[in-house]
Amino acid sequence: MNRIEAQFTALREFTLNGTDPAGHREQGSMIRRYIAWRNRNTDNPRLRRIVKRANVA
């Protein structure tokens, strides 16, 4: 697994798991909001834990 895949794991965990977006536009909006949040919260402990766990796998 490469390093970028861990970032997608966090995206799935924080944004997509347990959702049922009405369409691609809504899903894209959710992903854009996550990316903005992620860029503001790079030191978030939960985010770091998920990325670290995915990097090890």
N, C-alpha and C. Protein backbone atom coordinates (compact mmCIF):
# COMPACT_ATOMS: atom_id res chain seq x y z
N MET A 1 0.85 -1.17 0.00
CA MET A 1 0.00 0.00 0.00
C MET A 1 0.90 1.24 0.00
N ASN A 2 0.54 2.22 -0.79
CA ASN A 2 1.35 3.44 -0.78
C ASN A 2 0.77 4.47 0.18
N ARG A 3 1.49 5.53 0.39
CA ARG A 3 1.11 6.52 1.40
C ARG A 3 -0.21 7.24 1.09
N ILE A 4 -0.55 7.44 -0.15
CA ILE A 4 -1.79 8.16 -0.47
C ILE A 4 -3.02 7.34 -0.10
N GLU A 5 -2.91 6.03 -0.14
CA GLU A 5 -4.06 5.19 0.20
C GLU A 5 -4.51 5.39 1.64
N ALA A 6 -3.60 5.70 2.53
CA ALA A 6 -3.97 5.97 3.93
C ALA A 6 -4.86 7.20 4.01
N GLN A 7 -4.62 8.17 3.14
CA GLN A 7 -5.44 9.38 3.13
C GLN A 7 -6.86 9.05 2.68
N PHE A 8 -7.01 8.13 1.74
CA PHE A 8 -8.33 7.71 1.30
C PHE A 8 -9.06 6.93 2.38
N THR A 9 -8.31 6.21 3.20
CA THR A 9 -8.92 5.52 4.32
C THR A 9 -9.55 6.53 5.27
N ALA A 10 -8.83 7.60 5.57
CA ALA A 10 -9.37 8.65 6.45
C ALA A 10 -10.57 9.32 5.80
N LEU A 11 -10.51 9.58 4.51
CA LEU A 11 -11.64 10.18 3.79
C LEU A 11 -12.87 9.31 3.94
N ARG A 12 -12.71 8.02 3.73
CA ARG A 12 -13.84 7.10 3.87
C ARG A 12 -14.38 7.12 5.30
N GLU A 13 -13.49 7.07 6.27
CA GLU A 13 -13.90 7.02 7.68
C GLU A 13 -14.67 8.28 8.09
N PHE A 14 -14.15 9.43 7.73
CA PHE A 14 -14.74 10.69 8.17
C PHE A 14 -15.91 11.16 7.31
N THR A 15 -15.96 10.75 6.05
CA THR A 15 -16.91 11.36 5.12
C THR A 15 -17.92 10.39 4.54
N LEU A 16 -17.51 9.24 4.12
CA LEU A 16 -18.38 8.40 3.30
C LEU A 16 -19.05 7.25 4.04
N ASN A 17 -18.42 6.72 5.07
CA ASN A 17 -19.01 5.59 5.79
C ASN A 17 -20.36 5.99 6.39
N GLY A 18 -21.35 5.17 6.16
CA GLY A 18 -22.67 5.40 6.76
C GLY A 18 -23.48 6.48 6.09
N THR A 19 -23.10 6.91 4.89
CA THR A 19 -23.87 7.94 4.19
C THR A 19 -24.52 7.35 2.95
N ASP A 20 -25.51 8.05 2.46
CA ASP A 20 -26.18 7.67 1.22
C ASP A 20 -26.48 8.94 0.44
N PRO A 21 -25.45 9.54 -0.20
CA PRO A 21 -25.67 10.79 -0.91
C PRO A 21 -26.65 10.61 -2.07
N ALA A 22 -27.40 11.67 -2.35
CA ALA A 22 -28.42 11.62 -3.40
C ALA A 22 -27.79 11.52 -4.79
N GLY A 23 -26.56 11.97 -4.93
CA GLY A 23 -25.92 11.91 -6.24
C GLY A 23 -24.46 12.28 -6.16
N HIS A 24 -23.83 12.34 -7.32
CA HIS A 24 -22.41 12.65 -7.37
C HIS A 24 -22.12 14.07 -6.89
N ARG A 25 -23.00 15.00 -7.17
CA ARG A 25 -22.78 16.39 -6.74
C ARG A 25 -22.74 16.49 -5.21
N GLU A 26 -23.67 15.83 -4.55
CA GLU A 26 -23.68 15.84 -3.08
C GLU A 26 -22.45 15.14 -2.52
N GLN A 27 -22.08 14.03 -3.10
CA GLN A 27 -20.90 13.30 -2.64
C GLN A 27 -19.65 14.14 -2.85
N GLY A 28 -19.55 14.82 -3.99
CA GLY A 28 -18.41 15.70 -4.26
C GLY A 28 -18.33 16.83 -3.25
N SER A 29 -19.48 17.37 -2.88
CA SER A 29 -19.52 18.43 -1.87
C SER A 29 -19.04 17.92 -0.52
N MET A 30 -19.43 16.71 -0.16
CA MET A 30 -18.98 16.12 1.10
C MET A 30 -17.47 15.94 1.09
N ILE A 31 -16.93 15.49 -0.02
CA ILE A 31 -15.49 15.27 -0.12
C ILE A 31 -14.74 16.59 -0.07
N ARG A 32 -15.25 17.62 -0.76
CA ARG A 32 -14.59 18.94 -0.71
C ARG A 32 -14.59 19.52 0.70
N ARG A 33 -15.71 19.37 1.42
CA ARG A 33 -15.77 19.85 2.81
C ARG A 33 -14.76 19.09 3.69
N TYR A 34 -14.64 17.78 3.47
CA TYR A 34 -13.67 16.99 4.24
C TYR A 34 -12.25 17.48 3.96
N ILE A 35 -11.91 17.70 2.71
CA ILE A 35 -10.56 18.13 2.36
C ILE A 35 -10.25 19.48 3.01
N ALA A 36 -11.21 20.40 2.99
CA ALA A 36 -11.01 21.70 3.65
C ALA A 36 -10.80 21.50 5.15
N TRP A 37 -11.63 20.65 5.77
CA TRP A 37 -11.49 20.37 7.20
C TRP A 37 -10.14 19.74 7.49
N ARG A 38 -9.75 18.75 6.66
CA ARG A 38 -8.50 18.02 6.87
C ARG A 38 -7.31 18.96 6.78
N ASN A 39 -7.34 19.89 5.86
CA ASN A 39 -6.24 20.84 5.70
C ASN A 39 -6.14 21.80 6.89
N ARG A 40 -7.24 22.04 7.57
CA ARG A 40 -7.23 22.91 8.76
C ARG A 40 -6.90 22.13 10.04
N ASN A 41 -7.00 20.81 10.00
CA ASN A 41 -6.86 19.99 11.21
C ASN A 41 -5.83 18.89 11.04
N THR A 42 -4.68 19.23 10.53
CA THR A 42 -3.65 18.22 10.26
C THR A 42 -3.15 17.52 11.52
N ASP A 43 -3.32 18.16 12.67
CA ASP A 43 -2.84 17.55 13.91
C ASP A 43 -3.95 16.90 14.73
N ASN A 44 -5.11 16.66 14.13
CA ASN A 44 -6.23 16.03 14.81
C ASN A 44 -5.83 14.61 15.22
N PRO A 45 -5.96 14.26 16.49
CA PRO A 45 -5.50 12.95 16.97
C PRO A 45 -6.24 11.78 16.30
N ARG A 46 -7.53 11.90 16.09
CA ARG A 46 -8.29 10.81 15.46
C ARG A 46 -7.83 10.62 14.01
N LEU A 47 -7.64 11.71 13.30
CA LEU A 47 -7.16 11.65 11.92
C LEU A 47 -5.79 10.99 11.86
N ARG A 48 -4.89 11.42 12.73
CA ARG A 48 -3.53 10.85 12.73
C ARG A 48 -3.55 9.36 13.05
N ARG A 49 -4.43 8.95 13.96
CA ARG A 49 -4.54 7.54 14.34
C ARG A 49 -5.02 6.71 13.15
N ILE A 50 -6.02 7.19 12.43
CA ILE A 50 -6.55 6.46 11.27
C ILE A 50 -5.50 6.34 10.17
N VAL A 51 -4.81 7.44 9.88
CA VAL A 51 -3.78 7.43 8.84
C VAL A 51 -2.63 6.50 9.24
N LYS A 52 -2.23 6.57 10.50
CA LYS A 52 -1.13 5.71 10.96
C LYS A 52 -1.52 4.24 10.87
N ARG A 53 -2.74 3.91 11.27
CA ARG A 53 -3.22 2.53 11.20
C ARG A 53 -3.25 2.04 9.75
N ALA A 54 -3.68 2.90 8.83
CA ALA A 54 -3.75 2.51 7.42
C ALA A 54 -2.37 2.38 6.80
N ASN A 55 -1.41 3.18 7.25
CA ASN A 55 -0.05 3.09 6.72
C ASN A 55 0.62 1.78 7.12
N VAL A 56 0.26 1.25 8.27
CA VAL A 56 0.86 0.01 8.77
C VAL A 56 0.29 -1.19 8.03
N ALA A 57 -0.98 -1.13 7.70
CA ALA A 57 -1.65 -2.29 7.07
C ALA A 57 -1.10 -2.62 5.72
